[in-house]
Amino acid sequence: MKYEHTIKIFSLEDLERKGIVTHPHKNIVFACRPEGTCEVHDIGLEQMENLSVLFNEMGNKSWELVQLVFHESGIISFWRRGIQELP
């Protein structure tokens, strides 16, 4: 099977508009080290549901999430979906 790929970046502002709270005292908390690696430290149930809605928007368009990376400016997501091969 052949695939097409896309990368979608959700900035902190995009996440806030979608109802995902990124403030450290309110729910989703991820920290980035100076060398660039980031980790999720805490995420509330409501925020997991909001992230699911965000990812399902892409899934409903037949995109499959391949990888998710938290970055100091937001979330970078890598997606793929199958494409029909010509006979």
N, C-alpha and C. Protein backbone atom coordinates (compact mmCIF):
# COMPACT_ATOMS: atom_id res chain seq x y z
N MET A 1 0.84 -1.18 0.00
CA MET A 1 0.00 0.00 0.00
C MET A 1 0.88 1.24 0.00
N LYS A 2 0.45 2.24 -0.73
CA LYS A 2 1.15 3.52 -0.74
C LYS A 2 0.43 4.49 0.19
N TYR A 3 1.22 5.45 0.71
CA TYR A 3 0.68 6.42 1.64
C TYR A 3 1.02 7.83 1.20
N GLU A 4 0.17 8.75 1.59
CA GLU A 4 0.54 10.16 1.54
C GLU A 4 0.71 10.60 2.98
N HIS A 5 1.53 11.59 3.20
CA HIS A 5 1.86 12.04 4.55
C HIS A 5 1.63 13.54 4.69
N THR A 6 1.35 13.93 5.91
CA THR A 6 1.26 15.36 6.21
C THR A 6 1.72 15.59 7.64
N ILE A 7 2.13 16.80 7.90
CA ILE A 7 2.53 17.21 9.24
C ILE A 7 1.62 18.36 9.64
N LYS A 8 1.03 18.24 10.81
CA LYS A 8 0.14 19.29 11.30
C LYS A 8 0.72 19.82 12.60
N ILE A 9 0.86 21.12 12.67
CA ILE A 9 1.37 21.77 13.88
C ILE A 9 0.21 22.47 14.56
N PHE A 10 0.01 22.13 15.82
CA PHE A 10 -1.01 22.79 16.64
C PHE A 10 -0.26 23.73 17.59
N SER A 11 -0.32 25.02 17.31
CA SER A 11 0.36 25.98 18.18
C SER A 11 -0.38 26.06 19.51
N LEU A 12 0.25 26.66 20.49
CA LEU A 12 -0.43 26.83 21.78
C LEU A 12 -1.73 27.61 21.60
N GLU A 13 -1.72 28.59 20.70
CA GLU A 13 -2.94 29.37 20.44
C GLU A 13 -4.02 28.50 19.80
N ASP A 14 -3.63 27.62 18.86
CA ASP A 14 -4.58 26.68 18.24
C ASP A 14 -5.21 25.79 19.31
N LEU A 15 -4.38 25.29 20.21
CA LEU A 15 -4.88 24.40 21.26
C LEU A 15 -5.87 25.13 22.15
N GLU A 16 -5.54 26.35 22.53
CA GLU A 16 -6.44 27.14 23.38
C GLU A 16 -7.78 27.37 22.68
N ARG A 17 -7.75 27.66 21.37
CA ARG A 17 -8.99 27.88 20.62
C ARG A 17 -9.86 26.63 20.57
N LYS A 18 -9.21 25.46 20.62
CA LYS A 18 -9.94 24.18 20.59
C LYS A 18 -10.38 23.75 21.98
N GLY A 19 -10.11 24.58 22.99
CA GLY A 19 -10.55 24.25 24.34
C GLY A 19 -9.54 23.46 25.15
N ILE A 20 -8.32 23.35 24.65
CA ILE A 20 -7.28 22.62 25.37
C ILE A 20 -6.47 23.63 26.15
N VAL A 21 -6.56 23.54 27.46
CA VAL A 21 -5.92 24.52 28.33
C VAL A 21 -4.47 24.12 28.52
N THR A 22 -3.57 25.03 28.18
CA THR A 22 -2.14 24.73 28.28
C THR A 22 -1.48 25.44 29.46
N HIS A 23 -2.25 26.14 30.25
CA HIS A 23 -1.69 26.83 31.41
C HIS A 23 -1.31 25.79 32.47
N PRO A 24 -0.12 25.86 33.04
CA PRO A 24 0.35 24.82 33.96
C PRO A 24 -0.54 24.57 35.17
N HIS A 25 -1.30 25.56 35.61
CA HIS A 25 -2.13 25.36 36.80
C HIS A 25 -3.54 24.92 36.43
N LYS A 26 -3.82 24.73 35.14
CA LYS A 26 -5.19 24.41 34.74
C LYS A 26 -5.37 23.03 34.14
N ASN A 27 -4.38 22.38 33.59
CA ASN A 27 -4.53 21.00 33.11
C ASN A 27 -3.34 20.45 32.38
N ILE A 28 -3.23 20.67 31.07
CA ILE A 28 -2.15 20.02 30.33
C ILE A 28 -0.82 20.70 30.64
N VAL A 29 0.12 19.91 31.07
CA VAL A 29 1.42 20.45 31.44
C VAL A 29 2.48 19.66 30.71
N PHE A 30 3.27 20.34 29.90
CA PHE A 30 4.44 19.69 29.33
C PHE A 30 5.60 20.66 29.47
N ALA A 31 6.75 20.08 29.72
CA ALA A 31 7.94 20.89 29.96
C ALA A 31 8.99 20.57 28.91
N CYS A 32 9.71 21.59 28.49
CA CYS A 32 10.77 21.42 27.49
C CYS A 32 12.10 21.81 28.10
N ARG A 33 13.09 20.98 27.87
CA ARG A 33 14.44 21.24 28.33
C ARG A 33 15.15 22.18 27.35
N PRO A 34 16.20 22.83 27.78
CA PRO A 34 16.92 23.75 26.88
C PRO A 34 17.40 23.09 25.59
N GLU A 35 17.74 21.79 25.63
CA GLU A 35 18.22 21.13 24.41
C GLU A 35 17.08 20.76 23.47
N GLY A 36 15.82 20.98 23.89
CA GLY A 36 14.69 20.81 22.99
C GLY A 36 13.78 19.64 23.26
N THR A 37 14.16 18.71 24.13
CA THR A 37 13.27 17.58 24.41
C THR A 37 12.14 18.03 25.34
N CYS A 38 10.94 17.52 25.07
CA CYS A 38 9.77 17.88 25.86
C CYS A 38 9.08 16.63 26.37
N GLU A 39 8.42 16.76 27.52
CA GLU A 39 7.69 15.66 28.13
C GLU A 39 6.37 16.17 28.66
N VAL A 40 5.37 15.28 28.64
CA VAL A 40 4.08 15.59 29.25
C VAL A 40 4.17 15.19 30.71
N HIS A 41 3.82 16.11 31.60
CA HIS A 41 3.88 15.84 33.03
C HIS A 41 2.50 15.58 33.62
N ASP A 42 1.50 16.24 33.10
CA ASP A 42 0.17 16.11 33.68
C ASP A 42 -0.84 16.48 32.60
N ILE A 43 -1.90 15.70 32.55
CA ILE A 43 -2.98 16.04 31.63
C ILE A 43 -4.28 15.55 32.26
N GLY A 44 -5.24 16.45 32.37
CA GLY A 44 -6.51 16.12 32.99
C GLY A 44 -7.42 15.36 32.03
N LEU A 45 -8.42 14.68 32.58
CA LEU A 45 -9.36 13.90 31.78
C LEU A 45 -10.06 14.76 30.73
N GLU A 46 -10.49 15.96 31.12
CA GLU A 46 -11.16 16.85 30.18
C GLU A 46 -10.25 17.21 29.01
N GLN A 47 -8.98 17.41 29.30
CA GLN A 47 -8.04 17.78 28.25
C GLN A 47 -7.76 16.60 27.33
N MET A 48 -7.76 15.37 27.87
CA MET A 48 -7.60 14.20 27.02
C MET A 48 -8.77 14.09 26.06
N GLU A 49 -9.97 14.37 26.55
CA GLU A 49 -11.15 14.34 25.69
C GLU A 49 -11.05 15.41 24.60
N ASN A 50 -10.58 16.61 24.96
CA ASN A 50 -10.42 17.68 23.97
C ASN A 50 -9.37 17.32 22.93
N LEU A 51 -8.28 16.69 23.36
CA LEU A 51 -7.26 16.25 22.40
C LEU A 51 -7.83 15.19 21.47
N SER A 52 -8.64 14.29 22.02
CA SER A 52 -9.27 13.24 21.21
C SER A 52 -10.14 13.86 20.12
N VAL A 53 -10.90 14.89 20.46
CA VAL A 53 -11.73 15.56 19.46
C VAL A 53 -10.85 16.15 18.36
N LEU A 54 -9.76 16.77 18.76
CA LEU A 54 -8.83 17.36 17.81
C LEU A 54 -8.26 16.29 16.86
N PHE A 55 -7.83 15.16 17.41
CA PHE A 55 -7.25 14.10 16.60
C PHE A 55 -8.31 13.40 15.75
N ASN A 56 -9.53 13.28 16.29
CA ASN A 56 -10.60 12.64 15.52
C ASN A 56 -10.99 13.46 14.30
N GLU A 57 -10.79 14.76 14.34
CA GLU A 57 -11.05 15.59 13.16
C GLU A 57 -10.19 15.11 11.99
N MET A 58 -8.94 14.80 12.26
CA MET A 58 -8.05 14.29 11.21
C MET A 58 -8.42 12.84 10.88
N GLY A 59 -8.72 12.06 11.89
CA GLY A 59 -9.09 10.66 11.67
C GLY A 59 -10.33 10.52 10.81
N ASN A 60 -11.27 11.43 10.97
CA ASN A 60 -12.49 11.40 10.16
C ASN A 60 -12.21 11.69 8.70
N LYS A 61 -11.03 12.22 8.41
CA LYS A 61 -10.62 12.48 7.02
C LYS A 61 -9.67 11.38 6.54
N SER A 62 -9.70 10.25 7.25
CA SER A 62 -8.91 9.05 6.92
C SER A 62 -7.42 9.17 7.23
N TRP A 63 -7.01 10.18 8.01
CA TRP A 63 -5.62 10.30 8.40
C TRP A 63 -5.36 9.45 9.64
N GLU A 64 -4.22 8.80 9.68
CA GLU A 64 -3.79 7.98 10.81
C GLU A 64 -2.63 8.69 11.50
N LEU A 65 -2.74 8.86 12.81
CA LEU A 65 -1.66 9.50 13.57
C LEU A 65 -0.47 8.55 13.65
N VAL A 66 0.68 9.02 13.20
CA VAL A 66 1.90 8.22 13.20
C VAL A 66 2.75 8.56 14.41
N GLN A 67 2.89 9.85 14.69
CA GLN A 67 3.72 10.28 15.80
C GLN A 67 3.25 11.63 16.31
N LEU A 68 3.44 11.84 17.59
CA LEU A 68 3.05 13.08 18.23
C LEU A 68 4.25 13.58 19.04
N VAL A 69 4.61 14.85 18.82
CA VAL A 69 5.77 15.42 19.50
C VAL A 69 5.33 16.72 20.18
N PHE A 70 5.61 16.82 21.46
CA PHE A 70 5.34 18.05 22.18
C PHE A 70 6.56 18.95 22.04
N HIS A 71 6.31 20.20 21.69
CA HIS A 71 7.36 21.18 21.46
C HIS A 71 7.02 22.41 22.29
N GLU A 72 7.99 23.23 22.58
CA GLU A 72 7.74 24.42 23.41
C GLU A 72 6.71 25.36 22.80
N SER A 73 6.49 25.28 21.50
CA SER A 73 5.51 26.16 20.86
C SER A 73 4.18 25.46 20.58
N GLY A 74 4.05 24.18 20.94
CA GLY A 74 2.80 23.47 20.72
C GLY A 74 3.03 21.99 20.47
N ILE A 75 2.17 21.40 19.64
CA ILE A 75 2.23 19.98 19.34
C ILE A 75 2.46 19.80 17.84
N ILE A 76 3.40 18.94 17.50
CA ILE A 76 3.65 18.61 16.10
C ILE A 76 3.15 17.18 15.90
N SER A 77 2.30 16.99 14.92
CA SER A 77 1.74 15.67 14.67
C SER A 77 2.05 15.23 13.25
N PHE A 78 2.36 13.95 13.10
CA PHE A 78 2.70 13.36 11.82
C PHE A 78 1.61 12.36 11.46
N TRP A 79 1.06 12.49 10.27
CA TRP A 79 -0.10 11.70 9.84
C TRP A 79 0.18 11.02 8.51
N ARG A 80 -0.54 9.92 8.28
CA ARG A 80 -0.50 9.27 6.97
C ARG A 80 -1.88 8.71 6.65
N ARG A 81 -2.12 8.51 5.37
CA ARG A 81 -3.33 7.81 4.94
C ARG A 81 -3.02 7.09 3.63
N GLY A 82 -3.69 5.97 3.47
CA GLY A 82 -3.49 5.16 2.28
C GLY A 82 -4.04 5.86 1.05
N ILE A 83 -3.37 5.64 -0.07
CA ILE A 83 -3.86 6.16 -1.34
C ILE A 83 -3.99 4.98 -2.29
N GLN A 84 -4.94 5.10 -3.19
CA GLN A 84 -5.17 4.02 -4.14
C GLN A 84 -4.04 3.97 -5.16
N GLU A 85 -3.60 2.78 -5.40
CA GLU A 85 -2.58 2.58 -6.43
C GLU A 85 -3.30 2.34 -7.75
N LEU A 86 -2.78 2.88 -8.80
CA LEU A 86 -3.34 2.65 -10.12
C LEU A 86 -2.97 1.25 -10.59
N PRO A 87 -3.90 0.55 -11.23
CA PRO A 87 -3.60 -0.81 -11.69
C PRO A 87 -2.54 -0.85 -12.77
